[in-house]
Structures are given as C-alpha cells and as structure tokens.
C-alpha cells in the first residue's frame, strides 16, 4: 500500500504539472477568445466539475444549511475570485508574452507579505525585506527585458495588470483565513455566485457571440484543471503530507516547467532576461519561505 507521504508527493506533483501548462493554455485560448469569454466558459466548466466533486464527497446537504451570511460571503469572495482575479490575469496574458505574465503572477506570495502588514497587523522583518527586494528586481528584469538602466517597458499596462492580479489573489487568501466554510464547498459556491456577474459583464461590455471550438476546448481545459481539479488535488496533498514544507517547495518547479511548455507549445522565444528574472523571483521566494513573519 502506498504510504501517505508518497501519496502527498504524487498529488502535489500532478498539481504542479497541471499548473505548469496553464500559462500556455491561457495564451493559446486567448488567441481565440477574449479574456472575459475565457473567464466565463472556464468558470462554467469549473462550476460543473466542483459540483460533481461536492456530490462525490457527499457534501451537497451542507449547502442547504448555509446561512444568509455564508451566501453573502460566497458572493463577495466570488466577485474577488474567480471574477476579478482571473479577468485581470487573463487580460495580462492577453497583453504580455506568456513568460512574463506567468512569472510576475508568481510574486503573489511576496505581495501577500506586504498586504499582511496593514490587513493582518503582521510585521515583515529581517530577510523578508531582502526577499521582497530580490523578487521585485526580478520583476523589473523581466518587464524591461533586462534594460534596467533605461527602465523601458514595452507594455507597462500589461505589467501593471499582472502585478495587480497578485494583489487580488493575496486579498482573496487573506479573506479566506476568516472563512469557516468547507474549502471545496466554499470554492464551489464562489463560482456559483460569480457566474451570473461574469455573464452580465460580458453582456454589457462585449456581448455574447458564437465561439470557435478550439477556444471553447481551451477554456474547458483551464476550467477543468486550473480552476477545479488542481485545487482539490492540492488539498489532498496537504492532507496526506507529514510536513507542509516538503509539498510547498515543489511549487518552485512549476514556473521553470512552464517556460518549457511556453516555448514548445506557444512558440515564444525565451528571453535571457526572463531566465535571469525568474531566478531572482524564485530566489526571493526561497528566502521568504525560510523566514517567519512575526
């Protein structure tokens, strides 16, 4: 019989593998659909997937006992994620090379540390400031393609969107620390509550239109794996592991593997500045993971 820690590694590696493909899937899908369309169809698929998971885990009855306050929580968190977060992220992917958007998005853990100061009353001390500095220098290297002295940004708005996505994702996880709902039910209800707002957004901004089958399949892939299955697999990995750090450190594999997919599937030339920036960003995250916030 497979040991629990082995199961944890297996679930975690599958999750990391799925995350590694999402930048490429997003970029390819956005060549067929608008960011809002990708969000809508991916969210719809994820809602269905999560619904079946709720049924399989025999948690459907819990939904009928939710209070009005919990439904309001679901609506608020749903507006933050998936609505706002993925809309901004997909717009960033639409405007930037996939290699830039995905690495900048990985700095959310650094953003989380910064937001924890005013929102959670925590203090960033010691090597944490070094981690923040190293990671954001990496972002500058990536965003300027290595032209640090001139600070020339080819698409400053796209970079701004990618950075803003880290703020939204960090806010979502900070608010989740106060959420007492079951994680799977909570995520499912977030999508259920967000879907009508996403539909209204499309209706009033660009309108619904027939979509190419390639675009729909791409959105289905993103909704099934990125927004649905990956989250559940990660929770399973965390459940089986005897040491959270062993699993958490596997996340560092994802951005490097993602560059391989971006090069071969999307066809992007991987810039030297991207590799240098990625090493800096990951270096900052490694420093951060070895520190404690007091």
Protein backbone atom coordinates (compact mmCIF):
# COMPACT_ATOMS: atom_id res chain seq x y z
CA UNK A 1 0.00 0.00 0.00
CA UNK A 2 1.27 3.47 -0.89
CA UNK A 3 2.49 5.49 2.11
CA UNK A 4 0.73 8.76 2.91
CA UNK A 5 3.80 10.91 2.19
CA UNK A 6 4.22 9.18 -1.18
CA UNK A 7 0.58 9.96 -1.95
CA UNK A 8 1.20 13.55 -0.94
CA UNK A 9 4.13 13.85 -3.35
CA UNK A 10 2.12 12.21 -6.13
CA UNK A 11 -0.86 14.57 -5.73
CA UNK A 12 1.44 17.58 -5.40
CA UNK A 13 3.49 16.71 -8.49
CA UNK A 14 0.34 16.18 -10.57
CA UNK A 15 -0.92 19.56 -9.38
CA UNK A 16 2.37 21.27 -10.19
CA UNK A 17 2.36 19.61 -13.61
CA UNK A 18 -1.13 20.96 -14.30
CA UNK A 19 -0.20 24.46 -13.12
CA UNK A 20 2.81 24.37 -15.44
CA UNK A 21 0.56 24.08 -18.50
CA UNK A 22 -1.87 26.86 -17.66
CA UNK A 23 0.20 29.78 -18.98
CA UNK A 24 0.45 28.09 -22.37
CA UNK A 25 -3.22 27.08 -22.35
CA UNK A 26 -4.25 30.63 -21.45
CA UNK A 27 -2.15 32.22 -24.17
CA UNK A 28 -3.36 29.80 -26.85
CA UNK A 29 -7.00 30.14 -25.80
CA UNK A 30 -6.78 33.94 -25.76
CA UNK A 31 -5.90 33.84 -29.46
CA UNK A 32 -9.49 32.59 -29.99
CA UNK A 33 -11.47 34.18 -27.16
CA UNK A 34 -11.48 37.46 -25.26
CA UNK A 35 -10.32 37.43 -21.61
CA UNK A 36 -13.93 37.76 -20.43
CA UNK A 37 -15.05 34.85 -22.64
CA UNK A 38 -12.24 32.64 -21.33
CA UNK A 39 -13.30 33.56 -17.80
CA UNK A 40 -16.96 32.77 -18.44
CA UNK A 41 -16.56 29.41 -20.13
CA UNK A 42 -13.75 28.27 -17.83
CA UNK A 43 -15.76 29.27 -14.76
CA UNK A 44 -18.85 27.46 -16.06
CA UNK A 45 -16.83 24.27 -16.56
CA UNK A 46 -15.20 24.62 -13.16
CA UNK A 47 -18.60 25.08 -11.51
CA UNK A 48 -19.80 21.79 -13.02
CA UNK A 49 -16.60 19.98 -12.02
CA UNK A 50 -16.77 21.26 -8.45
CA UNK A 51 -20.46 20.34 -8.24
CA UNK A 52 -19.66 16.73 -9.08
CA UNK A 53 -16.83 16.74 -6.54
CA UNK A 54 -19.24 18.02 -3.88
CA UNK A 55 -21.64 15.18 -4.76
CA UNK A 56 -18.90 12.51 -4.72
CA UNK A 57 -17.69 13.76 -1.33
CA UNK A 58 -21.31 13.68 -0.09
CA UNK A 59 -21.27 17.33 0.93
CA UNK A 60 -24.30 18.53 -1.02
CA UNK A 61 -26.52 18.52 2.05
CA UNK A 62 -24.23 21.02 3.76
CA UNK A 63 -25.10 23.61 1.12
CA UNK A 64 -28.78 23.59 2.13
CA UNK A 65 -27.88 24.52 5.70
CA UNK A 66 -25.78 27.58 4.84
CA UNK A 67 -26.77 30.84 6.48
CA UNK A 68 -27.53 34.11 4.69
CA UNK A 69 -24.17 35.41 5.88
CA UNK A 70 -22.35 32.47 4.29
CA UNK A 71 -24.12 33.13 0.98
CA UNK A 72 -23.04 36.77 1.20
CA UNK A 73 -19.50 35.58 1.88
CA UNK A 74 -19.70 33.36 -1.19
CA UNK A 75 -20.83 36.30 -3.31
CA UNK A 76 -18.12 38.61 -2.04
CA UNK A 77 -15.33 36.07 -2.42
CA UNK A 78 -16.72 35.01 -5.80
CA UNK A 79 -16.50 38.57 -7.07
CA UNK A 80 -12.86 38.57 -5.99
CA UNK A 81 -12.08 35.06 -7.26
CA UNK A 82 -12.85 33.94 -9.93
CA UNK A 83 -14.36 37.16 -11.31
CA UNK A 84 -11.88 39.97 -10.68
CA UNK A 85 -8.72 37.90 -10.27
CA UNK A 86 -9.00 35.81 -13.42
CA UNK A 87 -10.37 38.66 -15.52
CA UNK A 88 -7.32 40.77 -14.68
CA UNK A 89 -4.94 37.81 -15.07
CA UNK A 90 -6.33 36.80 -18.47
CA UNK A 91 -6.10 40.42 -19.65
CA UNK A 92 -2.46 40.43 -18.55
CA UNK A 93 -1.83 37.21 -20.50
CA UNK A 94 -3.56 38.76 -23.50
CA UNK A 95 -1.27 41.80 -23.45
CA UNK A 96 2.07 40.29 -22.41
CA UNK A 97 4.22 37.36 -23.54
CA UNK A 98 3.13 34.32 -21.52
CA UNK A 99 6.60 34.01 -19.99
CA UNK A 100 6.36 37.49 -18.48
CA UNK A 101 2.80 37.25 -17.18
CA UNK A 102 3.20 33.87 -15.52
CA UNK A 103 6.41 34.72 -13.67
CA UNK A 104 5.12 38.08 -12.44
CA UNK A 105 1.99 36.29 -11.21
CA UNK A 106 4.19 34.02 -9.07
CA UNK A 107 5.17 37.01 -6.92
CA UNK A 108 1.77 36.86 -5.20
CA UNK A 109 3.43 35.35 -2.12
CA UNK A 110 5.59 38.48 -1.83
CA UNK A 111 2.51 40.68 -2.28
CA UNK A 112 0.79 38.63 0.43
CA UNK A 113 3.60 39.50 2.86
CA UNK A 114 3.23 43.21 2.11
CA UNK A 115 -0.57 43.20 2.44
CA UNK A 116 -0.32 41.25 5.70
CA UNK A 117 1.24 44.33 7.31
CA UNK A 118 -1.83 46.63 7.16
CA UNK A 119 -4.53 43.94 6.93
CA UNK A 120 -3.35 41.35 9.45
CA UNK A 121 -1.15 43.53 11.66
CA UNK A 122 1.93 41.44 10.91
CA UNK A 123 5.49 42.76 10.67
CA UNK A 124 7.90 41.98 7.87
CA UNK A 125 11.37 41.76 9.37
CA UNK A 126 14.91 40.69 8.61
CA UNK A 127 15.44 38.62 5.49
CA UNK A 128 11.83 39.13 4.39
CA UNK A 129 12.72 42.61 3.13
CA UNK A 130 15.61 41.07 1.21
CA UNK A 131 13.20 38.54 -0.29
CA UNK A 132 10.82 41.29 -1.37
CA UNK A 133 13.64 43.35 -2.90
CA UNK A 134 15.18 40.42 -4.80
CA UNK A 135 11.82 39.28 -6.20
CA UNK A 136 10.77 42.71 -7.43
CA UNK A 137 14.17 43.31 -9.01
CA UNK A 138 13.45 40.07 -10.86
CA UNK A 139 10.11 41.50 -11.99
CA UNK A 140 11.89 44.62 -13.29
CA UNK A 141 14.39 42.48 -15.20
CA UNK A 142 11.54 40.53 -16.81
CA UNK A 143 9.31 43.53 -17.54
CA UNK A 144 12.13 45.59 -19.11
CA UNK A 145 13.75 42.60 -20.86
CA UNK A 146 16.93 43.35 -18.95
CA UNK A 147 17.01 47.11 -19.70
CA UNK A 148 17.13 48.13 -16.04
CA UNK A 149 19.08 51.34 -16.59
CA UNK A 150 16.57 52.77 -19.04
CA UNK A 151 13.52 51.18 -17.35
CA UNK A 152 11.96 50.71 -20.77
CA UNK A 153 8.65 48.83 -20.53
CA UNK A 154 7.18 47.55 -23.78
CA UNK A 155 3.76 47.19 -22.17
CA UNK A 156 3.58 48.92 -18.78
CA UNK A 157 -0.21 48.49 -18.56
CA UNK A 158 0.10 44.73 -19.05
CA UNK A 159 2.80 44.55 -16.37
CA UNK A 160 0.57 46.59 -14.09
CA UNK A 161 -2.30 44.17 -14.63
CA UNK A 162 -0.06 41.18 -13.87
CA UNK A 163 1.07 42.83 -10.63
CA UNK A 164 -2.50 43.81 -9.76
CA UNK A 165 -3.54 40.17 -10.15
CA UNK A 166 -1.14 39.31 -7.32
CA UNK A 167 -2.90 41.89 -5.12
CA UNK A 168 -6.31 40.36 -5.86
CA UNK A 169 -5.07 36.81 -5.25
CA UNK A 170 -3.40 37.84 -1.97
CA UNK A 171 -6.55 39.63 -0.79
CA UNK A 172 -8.54 36.50 -1.59
CA UNK A 173 -6.31 34.31 0.58
CA UNK A 174 -6.21 36.84 3.42
CA UNK A 175 -10.02 36.90 3.47
CA UNK A 176 -10.04 33.09 3.30
CA UNK A 177 -8.24 32.94 6.64
CA UNK A 178 -11.52 34.11 8.18
CA UNK A 179 -13.71 31.80 6.12
CA UNK A 180 -15.13 28.90 8.14
CA UNK A 181 -16.76 27.09 5.21
CA UNK A 182 -15.58 23.73 3.94
CA UNK A 183 -12.85 24.54 1.33
CA UNK A 184 -14.47 22.57 -1.51
CA UNK A 185 -17.96 23.88 -0.80
CA UNK A 186 -16.58 27.39 -0.40
CA UNK A 187 -14.83 27.29 -3.77
CA UNK A 188 -17.89 25.79 -5.48
CA UNK A 189 -20.20 28.48 -4.09
CA UNK A 190 -17.74 31.21 -5.06
CA UNK A 191 -18.03 30.08 -8.68
CA UNK A 192 -21.81 29.66 -8.49
CA UNK A 193 -22.23 33.21 -7.17
CA UNK A 194 -19.68 34.73 -9.56
CA UNK A 195 -21.01 33.18 -12.77
CA UNK A 196 -24.07 35.48 -13.15
CA UNK A 197 -21.88 38.55 -12.64
CA UNK A 198 -19.41 37.32 -15.27
CA UNK A 199 -22.30 36.77 -17.69
CA UNK A 200 -23.63 40.28 -17.01
CA UNK A 201 -20.15 41.74 -17.52
CA UNK A 202 -19.88 40.12 -20.96
CA UNK A 203 -23.43 41.15 -21.87
CA UNK A 204 -22.84 44.82 -21.10
CA UNK A 205 -19.24 45.11 -22.37
CA UNK A 206 -18.85 42.98 -25.48
CA UNK A 207 -21.90 40.77 -25.84
CA UNK A 208 -22.09 37.02 -26.34
CA UNK A 209 -21.09 35.59 -29.72
CA UNK A 210 -20.51 32.17 -31.27
CA UNK A 211 -17.09 30.85 -30.24
CA UNK A 212 -14.60 28.68 -32.10
CA UNK A 213 -14.44 25.09 -30.86
CA UNK A 214 -10.68 25.49 -30.25
CA UNK A 215 -11.35 28.41 -27.92
CA UNK A 216 -14.08 26.56 -26.04
CA UNK A 217 -11.86 23.49 -25.61
CA UNK A 218 -9.05 25.71 -24.29
CA UNK A 219 -11.40 27.36 -21.78
CA UNK A 220 -12.67 23.91 -20.79
CA UNK A 221 -9.10 22.78 -20.11
CA UNK A 222 -8.44 25.84 -17.94
CA UNK A 223 -11.71 25.47 -16.04
CA UNK A 224 -11.35 21.73 -15.51
CA UNK A 225 -7.71 21.69 -14.41
CA UNK A 226 -6.61 25.15 -13.23
CA UNK A 227 -9.82 26.28 -11.52
CA UNK A 228 -11.19 22.90 -10.44
CA UNK A 229 -9.18 19.70 -10.20
CA UNK A 230 -5.83 21.28 -9.29
CA UNK A 231 -7.27 22.87 -6.15
CA UNK A 232 -8.76 19.57 -4.99
CA UNK A 233 -5.54 17.64 -5.69
CA UNK A 234 -3.52 20.22 -3.77
CA UNK A 235 -5.84 19.89 -0.78
CA UNK A 236 -5.33 16.11 -0.90
CA UNK A 237 -1.56 16.58 -1.00
CA UNK A 238 -1.72 18.84 2.05
CA UNK A 239 -3.91 16.29 3.83
CA UNK A 240 -1.52 13.37 3.32
CA UNK A 241 1.81 15.11 3.91
CA UNK A 242 3.60 14.92 7.24
CA UNK A 243 5.41 18.19 6.53
CA UNK A 244 3.78 21.06 4.63
CA UNK A 245 7.16 22.50 3.61
CA UNK A 246 8.03 19.32 1.68
CA UNK A 247 4.99 19.88 -0.52
CA UNK A 248 5.08 23.67 -0.69
CA UNK A 249 8.64 23.66 -2.05
CA UNK A 250 7.51 21.67 -5.09
CA UNK A 251 5.71 24.80 -6.31
CA UNK A 252 9.10 26.19 -7.35
CA UNK A 253 9.24 23.61 -10.14
CA UNK A 254 6.16 25.00 -11.89
CA UNK A 255 7.48 28.26 -13.42
CA UNK A 256 10.56 26.55 -14.86
CA UNK A 257 8.48 23.73 -16.34
CA UNK A 258 6.03 26.33 -17.60
CA UNK A 259 8.74 28.00 -19.68
CA UNK A 260 9.34 24.70 -21.48
CA UNK A 261 5.65 24.46 -22.42
CA UNK A 262 5.55 28.13 -23.41
CA UNK A 263 8.49 27.65 -25.75
CA UNK A 264 7.31 24.46 -27.43
CA UNK A 265 3.52 24.95 -27.38
CA UNK A 266 3.14 28.71 -27.74
CA UNK A 267 6.32 29.17 -29.75
CA UNK A 268 7.73 32.03 -27.69
CA UNK A 269 11.46 32.58 -27.68
CA UNK A 270 12.50 32.50 -24.02
CA UNK A 271 14.48 35.67 -23.35
CA UNK A 272 17.70 35.54 -21.37
CA UNK A 273 16.26 38.32 -19.21
CA UNK A 274 13.28 36.06 -18.42
CA UNK A 275 15.58 33.35 -17.09
CA UNK A 276 17.58 35.85 -15.03
CA UNK A 277 14.39 37.43 -13.70
CA UNK A 278 12.89 34.04 -12.89
CA UNK A 279 15.96 33.04 -10.89
CA UNK A 280 15.69 36.30 -8.93
CA UNK A 281 11.95 35.90 -8.31
CA UNK A 282 12.34 32.29 -7.21
CA UNK A 283 15.36 33.25 -5.12
CA UNK A 284 13.25 35.81 -3.32
CA UNK A 285 10.51 33.25 -2.73
CA UNK A 286 13.05 30.73 -1.39
CA UNK A 287 14.38 33.36 1.03
CA UNK A 288 10.82 34.17 2.07
CA UNK A 289 9.92 30.52 2.64
CA UNK A 290 12.83 30.23 5.08
CA UNK A 291 11.63 33.24 7.09
CA UNK A 292 8.83 33.72 9.58
CA UNK A 293 6.55 36.72 9.80
CA UNK A 294 6.22 37.94 13.36
